[in-house]
Amino acid sequence: MVGKFYIFIVCVGVWLGLACPAFAGAWNQRAGEGQVISTSSWSQADRIYNDNFDTVPLQGFSKTESRLYIEQGVTDWLTVVGNGGFQSLDFRDSDSRFQFEGLDDLELGVQVKTYAREGFATSVRLSYIFDNDIDNRAVDVIGGGDQFELRALVGQSRETLLGDFFYDAQFALRSESLDRLDGVQTALTMGFKPTQRWLAMFQSYANYASDQEVDGFTAPEQIQLSLNLSLARQYKPGRYIQIGTGRTVLGRNIVQEKSLFIGIWTDY
């Protein structure tokens, strides 16, 4: 009974990459300028992926989350990044139930521009992730305690007669003690901007977390592939509102989550 509880409760799906549905990528902020992205999301699941990548019924899972992402340009090559949130979740299966309300993971980091030319940029980001306030480490296995993260970013944009196209690709490694790899994330954003006011985006996130000792029990490794579709509209200069939906399409020891989210972007 206890083993089954851990196998299932460990799959609640605390977000490994702190992936924000809005677009924040390889292009650094200019000195003295910045960007604030606030998002609210609602998600639920009635199935969960087991250790064999198959889905099995789940009594219920729901989560609401609000996040704040901030970029501040210190120089033209150095940007400070902050990312934090508050979440409320409820996980239920036939044998167990877990509820939590509190702070989510907090990221503080610096992003350094490594190369830039017209329509193309690369950068690297070094962050420290403060683990959230969830007391039950079995639920928080993806977080794995405080961790260091090293992230590489590359982005490119191109103007065409149909509109502007861009992509942003990211690859991140996470480690708690620097003596082993605890997590990996890849993220790909592709966008199309037909006019100055409208922006459509497709985003994919692939997350991996290694197995881990939790209260004397080995929590299994986790794999998650999620897809997001969203539409953003500029309602004032430098301000966008974004609405989208997401879904976990492949996983291992993770809930099959379906979500809706809304975001507000503000440049300053």
C-alpha atoms as a PDB file:
ATOM      1  CA  MET A   1       0.000   0.000   0.000  1.00  0.00           C
ATOM      2  CA  VAL A   2       2.735   2.472   0.964  1.00  0.00           C
ATOM      3  CA  GLY A   3       4.772   1.611  -2.123  1.00  0.00           C
ATOM      4  CA  LYS A   4       1.792   2.171  -4.386  1.00  0.00           C
ATOM      5  CA  PHE A   5       1.116   5.474  -2.666  1.00  0.00           C
ATOM      6  CA  TYR A   6       4.623   6.710  -3.476  1.00  0.00           C
ATOM      7  CA  ILE A   7       4.542   5.449  -7.059  1.00  0.00           C
ATOM      8  CA  PHE A   8       1.387   7.416  -7.763  1.00  0.00           C
ATOM      9  CA  ILE A   9       1.779  10.492  -5.599  1.00  0.00           C
ATOM     10  CA  VAL A  10       5.245  11.090  -6.984  1.00  0.00           C
ATOM     11  CA  CYS A  11       3.612  11.775 -10.352  1.00  0.00           C
ATOM     12  CA  VAL A  12       1.757  14.934  -9.414  1.00  0.00           C
ATOM     13  CA  GLY A  13       3.869  16.845 -11.906  1.00  0.00           C
ATOM     14  CA  VAL A  14       5.555  19.799 -10.247  1.00  0.00           C
ATOM     15  CA  TRP A  15       6.980  21.604 -13.273  1.00  0.00           C
ATOM     16  CA  LEU A  16      10.609  20.531 -13.824  1.00  0.00           C
ATOM     17  CA  GLY A  17      11.754  23.365 -16.064  1.00  0.00           C
ATOM     18  CA  LEU A  18       9.774  26.196 -14.548  1.00  0.00           C
ATOM     19  CA  ALA A  19       8.535  26.464 -18.112  1.00  0.00           C
ATOM     20  CA  CYS A  20       6.511  29.589 -18.628  1.00  0.00           C
ATOM     21  CA  PRO A  21       3.777  29.439 -21.308  1.00  0.00           C
ATOM     22  CA  ALA A  22       4.737  32.936 -22.466  1.00  0.00           C
ATOM     23  CA  PHE A  23       7.762  33.475 -24.683  1.00  0.00           C
ATOM     24  CA  ALA A  24      11.029  34.439 -22.988  1.00  0.00           C
ATOM     25  CA  GLY A  25      14.044  33.282 -24.914  1.00  0.00           C
ATOM     26  CA  ALA A  26      17.540  33.738 -26.267  1.00  0.00           C
ATOM     27  CA  TRP A  27      17.357  37.499 -26.863  1.00  0.00           C
ATOM     28  CA  ASN A  28      18.732  39.442 -23.885  1.00  0.00           C
ATOM     29  CA  GLN A  29      17.177  42.655 -22.613  1.00  0.00           C
ATOM     30  CA  ARG A  30      18.922  45.941 -23.342  1.00  0.00           C
ATOM     31  CA  ALA A  31      20.618  47.748 -20.465  1.00  0.00           C
ATOM     32  CA  GLY A  32      18.022  49.414 -18.253  1.00  0.00           C
ATOM     33  CA  GLU A  33      15.092  47.693 -20.005  1.00  0.00           C
ATOM     34  CA  GLY A  34      13.108  44.653 -18.948  1.00  0.00           C
ATOM     35  CA  GLN A  35      10.079  42.442 -19.257  1.00  0.00           C
ATOM     36  CA  VAL A  36       7.480  41.118 -16.817  1.00  0.00           C
ATOM     37  CA  ILE A  37       5.312  38.100 -17.681  1.00  0.00           C
ATOM     38  CA  SER A  38       2.527  37.092 -15.305  1.00  0.00           C
ATOM     39  CA  THR A  39       0.598  33.876 -15.969  1.00  0.00           C
ATOM     40  CA  SER A  40      -2.280  31.995 -14.407  1.00  0.00           C
ATOM     41  CA  SER A  41      -3.004  28.379 -15.300  1.00  0.00           C
ATOM     42  CA  TRP A  42      -5.651  25.789 -14.521  1.00  0.00           C
ATOM     43  CA  SER A  43      -5.068  22.083 -15.132  1.00  0.00           C
ATOM     44  CA  GLN A  44      -6.663  18.719 -14.426  1.00  0.00           C
ATOM     45  CA  ALA A  45      -6.079  15.040 -15.133  1.00  0.00           C
ATOM     46  CA  ASP A  46      -8.078  11.822 -14.919  1.00  0.00           C
ATOM     47  CA  ARG A  47      -5.305   9.507 -16.140  1.00  0.00           C
ATOM     48  CA  ILE A  48      -1.700   8.930 -15.127  1.00  0.00           C
ATOM     49  CA  TYR A  49       1.296   7.434 -16.936  1.00  0.00           C
ATOM     50  CA  ASN A  50       2.796   4.398 -15.253  1.00  0.00           C
ATOM     51  CA  ASP A  51       6.357   3.101 -15.396  1.00  0.00           C
ATOM     52  CA  ASN A  52       5.699   1.507 -18.807  1.00  0.00           C
ATOM     53  CA  PHE A  53       4.524   4.776 -20.455  1.00  0.00           C
ATOM     54  CA  ASP A  54       0.912   3.512 -20.446  1.00  0.00           C
ATOM     55  CA  THR A  55      -1.962   5.531 -18.984  1.00  0.00           C
ATOM     56  CA  VAL A  56      -4.175   4.184 -16.218  1.00  0.00           C
ATOM     57  CA  PRO A  57      -7.275   5.764 -14.650  1.00  0.00           C
ATOM     58  CA  LEU A  58      -6.797   8.308 -11.880  1.00  0.00           C
ATOM     59  CA  GLN A  59      -9.514   9.372  -9.490  1.00  0.00           C
ATOM     60  CA  GLY A  60      -8.638  13.022  -9.881  1.00  0.00           C
ATOM     61  CA  PHE A  61      -5.948  15.684 -10.134  1.00  0.00           C
ATOM     62  CA  SER A  62      -6.367  19.472 -10.309  1.00  0.00           C
ATOM     63  CA  LYS A  63      -3.958  22.368 -10.027  1.00  0.00           C
ATOM     64  CA  THR A  64      -4.116  26.148 -10.195  1.00  0.00           C
ATOM     65  CA  GLU A  65      -0.943  28.191 -10.444  1.00  0.00           C
ATOM     66  CA  SER A  66       0.077  31.830 -10.750  1.00  0.00           C
ATOM     67  CA  ARG A  67       3.615  32.710 -11.821  1.00  0.00           C
ATOM     68  CA  LEU A  68       5.684  35.863 -12.270  1.00  0.00           C
ATOM     69  CA  TYR A  69       8.668  35.920 -14.639  1.00  0.00           C
ATOM     70  CA  ILE A  70      10.983  38.961 -14.720  1.00  0.00           C
ATOM     71  CA  GLU A  71      13.922  39.867 -16.972  1.00  0.00           C
ATOM     72  CA  GLN A  72      16.018  42.959 -16.262  1.00  0.00           C
ATOM     73  CA  GLY A  73      18.829  44.129 -18.511  1.00  0.00           C
ATOM     74  CA  VAL A  74      21.920  45.120 -16.531  1.00  0.00           C
ATOM     75  CA  THR A  75      24.144  45.629 -19.569  1.00  0.00           C
ATOM     76  CA  ASP A  76      23.534  44.829 -23.220  1.00  0.00           C
ATOM     77  CA  TRP A  77      25.145  41.425 -22.652  1.00  0.00           C
ATOM     78  CA  LEU A  78      23.911  40.593 -19.117  1.00  0.00           C
ATOM     79  CA  THR A  79      20.287  40.054 -18.049  1.00  0.00           C
ATOM     80  CA  VAL A  80      19.043  39.107 -14.567  1.00  0.00           C
ATOM     81  CA  VAL A  81      16.169  36.579 -14.467  1.00  0.00           C
ATOM     82  CA  GLY A  82      13.651  35.789 -11.740  1.00  0.00           C
ATOM     83  CA  ASN A  83      10.809  33.255 -11.864  1.00  0.00           C
ATOM     84  CA  GLY A  84       8.470  32.270  -9.018  1.00  0.00           C
ATOM     85  CA  GLY A  85       4.902  31.232  -8.360  1.00  0.00           C
ATOM     86  CA  PHE A  86       2.139  30.088  -6.056  1.00  0.00           C
ATOM     87  CA  GLN A  87       0.205  26.863  -6.574  1.00  0.00           C
ATOM     88  CA  SER A  88      -2.696  24.905  -5.190  1.00  0.00           C
ATOM     89  CA  LEU A  89      -3.073  21.219  -6.057  1.00  0.00           C
ATOM     90  CA  ASP A  90      -5.255  18.245  -5.215  1.00  0.00           C
ATOM     91  CA  PHE A  91      -4.235  14.670  -6.074  1.00  0.00           C
ATOM     92  CA  ARG A  92      -6.553  11.693  -5.496  1.00  0.00           C
ATOM     93  CA  ASP A  93      -6.385   8.009  -6.330  1.00  0.00           C
ATOM     94  CA  SER A  94      -8.116   4.967  -4.896  1.00  0.00           C
ATOM     95  CA  ASP A  95      -5.553   4.567  -2.089  1.00  0.00           C
ATOM     96  CA  SER A  96      -4.372   8.056  -1.240  1.00  0.00           C
ATOM     97  CA  ARG A  97      -5.000  11.786  -1.359  1.00  0.00           C
ATOM     98  CA  PHE A  98      -2.648  14.730  -1.188  1.00  0.00           C
ATOM     99  CA  GLN A  99      -3.393  18.458  -1.084  1.00  0.00           C
ATOM    100  CA  PHE A 100      -0.991  21.379  -1.106  1.00  0.00           C
ATOM    101  CA  GLU A 101      -1.213  25.158  -1.239  1.00  0.00           C
ATOM    102  CA  GLY A 102       1.920  27.288  -1.178  1.00  0.00           C
ATOM    103  CA  LEU A 103       4.944  28.598  -3.024  1.00  0.00           C
ATOM    104  CA  ASP A 104       6.247  26.863  -6.122  1.00  0.00           C
ATOM    105  CA  ASP A 105       9.931  26.651  -7.085  1.00  0.00           C
ATOM    106  CA  LEU A 106      11.809  29.972  -7.272  1.00  0.00           C
ATOM    107  CA  GLU A 107      14.491  30.590  -9.912  1.00  0.00           C
ATOM    108  CA  LEU A 108      17.132  33.322  -9.723  1.00  0.00           C
ATOM    109  CA  GLY A 109      19.668  33.527 -12.538  1.00  0.00           C
ATOM    110  CA  VAL A 110      21.788  35.496 -14.949  1.00  0.00           C
ATOM    111  CA  GLN A 111      21.673  35.219 -18.734  1.00  0.00           C
ATOM    112  CA  VAL A 112      24.760  36.119 -20.770  1.00  0.00           C
ATOM    113  CA  LYS A 113      24.613  36.968 -24.469  1.00  0.00           C
ATOM    114  CA  THR A 114      27.177  34.873 -26.326  1.00  0.00           C
ATOM    115  CA  TYR A 115      26.452  35.904 -29.933  1.00  0.00           C
ATOM    116  CA  ALA A 116      24.034  38.207 -31.718  1.00  0.00           C
ATOM    117  CA  ARG A 117      23.406  39.510 -35.200  1.00  0.00           C
ATOM    118  CA  GLU A 118      20.335  40.703 -37.050  1.00  0.00           C
ATOM    119  CA  GLY A 119      17.607  38.124 -36.471  1.00  0.00           C
ATOM    120  CA  PHE A 120      19.789  35.628 -34.588  1.00  0.00           C
ATOM    121  CA  ALA A 121      20.912  35.255 -30.966  1.00  0.00           C
ATOM    122  CA  THR A 122      22.533  32.746 -28.635  1.00  0.00           C
ATOM    123  CA  SER A 123      22.945  32.951 -24.878  1.00  0.00           C
ATOM    124  CA  VAL A 124      23.614  30.884 -21.760  1.00  0.00           C
ATOM    125  CA  ARG A 125      21.847  31.094 -18.414  1.00  0.00           C
ATOM    126  CA  LEU A 126      23.065  29.984 -14.991  1.00  0.00           C
ATOM    127  CA  SER A 127      20.356  29.740 -12.325  1.00  0.00           C
ATOM    128  CA  TYR A 128      19.820  28.547  -8.799  1.00  0.00           C
ATOM    129  CA  ILE A 129      16.458  26.859  -8.177  1.00  0.00           C
ATOM    130  CA  PHE A 130      15.060  27.092  -4.652  1.00  0.00           C
ATOM    131  CA  ASP A 131      12.860  24.071  -3.991  1.00  0.00           C
ATOM    132  CA  ASN A 132       9.221  24.731  -3.148  1.00  0.00           C
ATOM    133  CA  ASP A 133       7.445  24.429   0.205  1.00  0.00           C
ATOM    134  CA  ILE A 134       5.809  21.050  -0.399  1.00  0.00           C
ATOM    135  CA  ASP A 135       6.538  19.023   2.735  1.00  0.00           C
ATOM    136  CA  ASN A 136       6.032  15.625   1.109  1.00  0.00           C
ATOM    137  CA  ARG A 137       9.220  15.006  -0.887  1.00  0.00           C
ATOM    138  CA  ALA A 138       7.491  12.199  -2.784  1.00  0.00           C
ATOM    139  CA  VAL A 139       5.315  14.811  -4.468  1.00  0.00           C
ATOM    140  CA  ASP A 140       8.315  17.061  -5.020  1.00  0.00           C
ATOM    141  CA  VAL A 141      10.656  14.490  -6.551  1.00  0.00           C
ATOM    142  CA  ILE A 142      10.930  16.432  -9.817  1.00  0.00           C
ATOM    143  CA  GLY A 143      12.166  19.417  -7.864  1.00  0.00           C
ATOM    144  CA  GLY A 144      14.704  17.244  -6.045  1.00  0.00           C
ATOM    145  CA  GLY A 145      15.693  19.915  -3.534  1.00  0.00           C
ATOM    146  CA  ASP A 146      17.582  23.117  -4.385  1.00  0.00           C
ATOM    147  CA  GLN A 147      19.376  22.749  -7.709  1.00  0.00           C
ATOM    148  CA  PHE A 148      21.768  24.466 -10.089  1.00  0.00           C
ATOM    149  CA  GLU A 149      20.675  24.837 -13.697  1.00  0.00           C
ATOM    150  CA  LEU A 150      22.762  25.508 -16.805  1.00  0.00           C
ATOM    151  CA  ARG A 151      20.701  26.459 -19.866  1.00  0.00           C
ATOM    152  CA  ALA A 152      21.750  27.076 -23.478  1.00  0.00           C
ATOM    153  CA  LEU A 153      19.442  29.163 -25.695  1.00  0.00           C
ATOM    154  CA  VAL A 154      19.369  29.891 -29.434  1.00  0.00           C
ATOM    155  CA  GLY A 155      16.796  31.905 -31.363  1.00  0.00           C
ATOM    156  CA  GLN A 156      16.237  33.134 -34.890  1.00  0.00           C
ATOM    157  CA  SER A 157      13.622  35.331 -36.549  1.00  0.00           C
ATOM    158  CA  ARG A 158      12.891  36.058 -40.182  1.00  0.00           C
ATOM    159  CA  GLU A 159      10.651  38.526 -41.975  1.00  0.00           C
ATOM    160  CA  THR A 160       8.588  37.302 -44.941  1.00  0.00           C
ATOM    161  CA  LEU A 161       5.751  38.624 -47.073  1.00  0.00           C
ATOM    162  CA  LEU A 162       3.326  36.563 -44.982  1.00  0.00           C
ATOM    163  CA  GLY A 163       4.616  37.863 -41.659  1.00  0.00           C
ATOM    164  CA  ASP A 164       7.429  37.301 -39.164  1.00  0.00           C
ATOM    165  CA  PHE A 165       8.520  33.781 -38.187  1.00  0.00           C
ATOM    166  CA  PHE A 166      10.776  32.852 -35.283  1.00  0.00           C
ATOM    167  CA  TYR A 167      11.983  29.898 -33.261  1.00  0.00           C
ATOM    168  CA  ASP A 168      13.665  29.583 -29.881  1.00  0.00           C
ATOM    169  CA  ALA A 169      15.329  26.356 -28.723  1.00  0.00           C
ATOM    170  CA  GLN A 170      16.612  25.670 -25.211  1.00  0.00           C
ATOM    171  CA  PHE A 171      18.490  22.838 -23.502  1.00  0.00           C
ATOM    172  CA  ALA A 172      18.951  22.735 -19.720  1.00  0.00           C
ATOM    173  CA  LEU A 173      20.800  20.508 -17.248  1.00  0.00           C
ATOM    174  CA  ARG A 174      19.985  20.472 -13.512  1.00  0.00           C
ATOM    175  CA  SER A 175      21.955  19.115 -10.583  1.00  0.00           C
ATOM    176  CA  GLU A 176      21.527  19.267  -6.833  1.00  0.00           C
ATOM    177  CA  SER A 177      25.082  18.497  -5.716  1.00  0.00           C
ATOM    178  CA  LEU A 178      27.047  18.838  -8.998  1.00  0.00           C
ATOM    179  CA  ASP A 179      28.239  15.237  -8.714  1.00  0.00           C
ATOM    180  CA  ARG A 180      25.357  13.753 -10.734  1.00  0.00           C
ATOM    181  CA  LEU A 181      22.752  14.796 -13.282  1.00  0.00           C
ATOM    182  CA  ASP A 182      19.313  15.113 -11.663  1.00  0.00           C
ATOM    183  CA  GLY A 183      17.232  16.537 -14.509  1.00  0.00           C
ATOM    184  CA  VAL A 184      17.151  17.569 -18.173  1.00  0.00           C
ATOM    185  CA  GLN A 185      14.785  19.809 -20.086  1.00  0.00           C
ATOM    186  CA  THR A 186      14.472  20.735 -23.740  1.00  0.00           C
ATOM    187  CA  ALA A 187      12.092  23.424 -24.947  1.00  0.00           C
ATOM    188  CA  LEU A 188      11.157  24.549 -28.446  1.00  0.00           C
ATOM    189  CA  THR A 189       9.027  27.572 -29.308  1.00  0.00           C
ATOM    190  CA  MET A 190       7.918  28.373 -32.851  1.00  0.00           C
ATOM    191  CA  GLY A 191       6.013  31.556 -33.540  1.00  0.00           C
ATOM    192  CA  PHE A 192       4.264  33.378 -36.359  1.00  0.00           C
ATOM    193  CA  LYS A 193       3.423  37.068 -36.272  1.00  0.00           C
ATOM    194  CA  PRO A 194       1.162  37.951 -39.232  1.00  0.00           C
ATOM    195  CA  THR A 195       0.640  41.553 -38.047  1.00  0.00           C
ATOM    196  CA  GLN A 196       2.085  43.888 -35.434  1.00  0.00           C
ATOM    197  CA  ARG A 197      -0.718  43.033 -33.004  1.00  0.00           C
ATOM    198  CA  TRP A 198      -1.070  39.262 -33.305  1.00  0.00           C
ATOM    199  CA  LEU A 199       1.270  36.402 -32.423  1.00  0.00           C
ATOM    200  CA  ALA A 200       0.591  32.636 -32.619  1.00  0.00           C
ATOM    201  CA  MET A 201       2.911  30.171 -30.865  1.00  0.00           C
ATOM    202  CA  PHE A 202       3.508  26.442 -30.665  1.00  0.00           C
ATOM    203  CA  GLN A 203       5.643  25.247 -27.740  1.00  0.00           C
ATOM    204  CA  SER A 204       6.920  21.827 -26.699  1.00  0.00           C
ATOM    205  CA  TYR A 205       8.640  20.850 -23.453  1.00  0.00           C
ATOM    206  CA  ALA A 206      10.418  17.572 -22.743  1.00  0.00           C
ATOM    207  CA  ASN A 207      11.380  16.929 -19.120  1.00  0.00           C
ATOM    208  CA  TYR A 208      13.423  14.183 -17.495  1.00  0.00           C
ATOM    209  CA  ALA A 209      14.094  13.604 -13.786  1.00  0.00           C
ATOM    210  CA  SER A 210      16.284  10.766 -12.505  1.00  0.00           C
ATOM    211  CA  ASP A 211      15.194   8.385  -9.760  1.00  0.00           C
ATOM    212  CA  GLN A 212      15.791   9.548  -6.210  1.00  0.00           C
ATOM    213  CA  GLU A 213      15.758   8.343  -2.615  1.00  0.00           C
ATOM    214  CA  VAL A 214      12.715   9.786  -0.820  1.00  0.00           C
ATOM    215  CA  ASP A 215      12.235   8.878   2.853  1.00  0.00           C
ATOM    216  CA  GLY A 216      13.907   5.518   2.339  1.00  0.00           C
ATOM    217  CA  PHE A 217      11.956   4.772  -0.846  1.00  0.00           C
ATOM    218  CA  THR A 218      13.373   4.995  -4.365  1.00  0.00           C
ATOM    219  CA  ALA A 219      11.085   7.334  -6.317  1.00  0.00           C
ATOM    220  CA  PRO A 220      11.115   6.316  -9.999  1.00  0.00           C
ATOM    221  CA  GLU A 221      12.481   8.381 -12.857  1.00  0.00           C
ATOM    222  CA  GLN A 222      10.023  10.655 -14.625  1.00  0.00           C
ATOM    223  CA  ILE A 223       9.606  11.637 -18.272  1.00  0.00           C
ATOM    224  CA  GLN A 224       7.182  14.227 -19.613  1.00  0.00           C
ATOM    225  CA  LEU A 225       6.455  15.633 -23.066  1.00  0.00           C
ATOM    226  CA  SER A 226       3.976  18.518 -23.186  1.00  0.00           C
ATOM    227  CA  LEU A 227       2.632  20.610 -26.057  1.00  0.00           C
ATOM    228  CA  ASN A 228       1.191  24.139 -25.832  1.00  0.00           C
ATOM    229  CA  LEU A 229      -0.726  26.230 -28.347  1.00  0.00           C
ATOM    230  CA  SER A 230      -1.393  29.908 -27.691  1.00  0.00           C
ATOM    231  CA  LEU A 231      -2.420  33.201 -29.248  1.00  0.00           C
ATOM    232  CA  ALA A 232      -1.234  36.625 -28.085  1.00  0.00           C
ATOM    233  CA  ARG A 233      -2.532  40.084 -28.957  1.00  0.00           C
ATOM    234  CA  GLN A 234      -0.913  43.471 -28.396  1.00  0.00           C
ATOM    235  CA  TYR A 235      -3.475  45.729 -26.700  1.00  0.00           C
ATOM    236  CA  LYS A 236      -1.047  48.576 -25.920  1.00  0.00           C
ATOM    237  CA  PRO A 237       2.499  49.307 -27.095  1.00  0.00           C
ATOM    238  CA  GLY A 238       4.755  46.867 -25.261  1.00  0.00           C
ATOM    239  CA  ARG A 239       1.847  44.954 -23.718  1.00  0.00           C
ATOM    240  CA  TYR A 240       0.379  41.623 -24.807  1.00  0.00           C
ATOM    241  CA  ILE A 241      -2.314  39.307 -23.520  1.00  0.00           C
ATOM    242  CA  GLN A 242      -1.845  35.590 -24.197  1.00  0.00           C
ATOM    243  CA  ILE A 243      -4.387  32.750 -24.039  1.00  0.00           C
ATOM    244  CA  GLY A 244      -3.507  29.117 -24.613  1.00  0.00           C
ATOM    245  CA  THR A 245      -3.985  25.451 -23.883  1.00  0.00           C
ATOM    246  CA  GLY A 246      -1.561  22.624 -23.118  1.00  0.00           C
ATOM    247  CA  ARG A 247      -1.504  18.849 -22.810  1.00  0.00           C
ATOM    248  CA  THR A 248       0.911  16.136 -21.717  1.00  0.00           C
ATOM    249  CA  VAL A 249       1.177  13.779 -24.705  1.00  0.00           C
ATOM    250  CA  LEU A 250       3.796  11.315 -23.434  1.00  0.00           C
ATOM    251  CA  GLY A 251       5.017  10.439 -19.985  1.00  0.00           C
ATOM    252  CA  ARG A 252       6.392   8.074 -17.405  1.00  0.00           C
ATOM    253  CA  ASN A 253       5.271   8.274 -13.765  1.00  0.00           C
ATOM    254  CA  ILE A 254       3.520  11.587 -14.393  1.00  0.00           C
ATOM    255  CA  VAL A 255      -0.094  12.715 -14.679  1.00  0.00           C
ATOM    256  CA  GLN A 256      -1.595  13.209 -18.148  1.00  0.00           C
ATOM    257  CA  GLU A 257      -2.293  16.871 -17.591  1.00  0.00           C
ATOM    258  CA  LYS A 258      -4.601  19.137 -19.612  1.00  0.00           C
ATOM    259  CA  SER A 259      -4.381  22.872 -18.982  1.00  0.00           C
ATOM    260  CA  LEU A 260      -5.616  26.342 -19.869  1.00  0.00           C
ATOM    261  CA  PHE A 261      -3.545  29.459 -19.216  1.00  0.00           C
ATOM    262  CA  ILE A 262      -3.637  33.227 -19.609  1.00  0.00           C
ATOM    263  CA  GLY A 263      -0.637  35.547 -19.565  1.00  0.00           C
ATOM    264  CA  ILE A 264       0.096  39.271 -19.532  1.00  0.00           C
ATOM    265  CA  TRP A 265       3.410  40.543 -20.938  1.00  0.00           C
ATOM    266  CA  THR A 266       4.714  44.008 -20.134  1.00  0.00           C
ATOM    267  CA  ASP A 267       7.880  45.533 -21.573  1.00  0.00           C
ATOM    268  CA  TYR A 268       9.442  48.524 -19.821  1.00  0.00           C
END
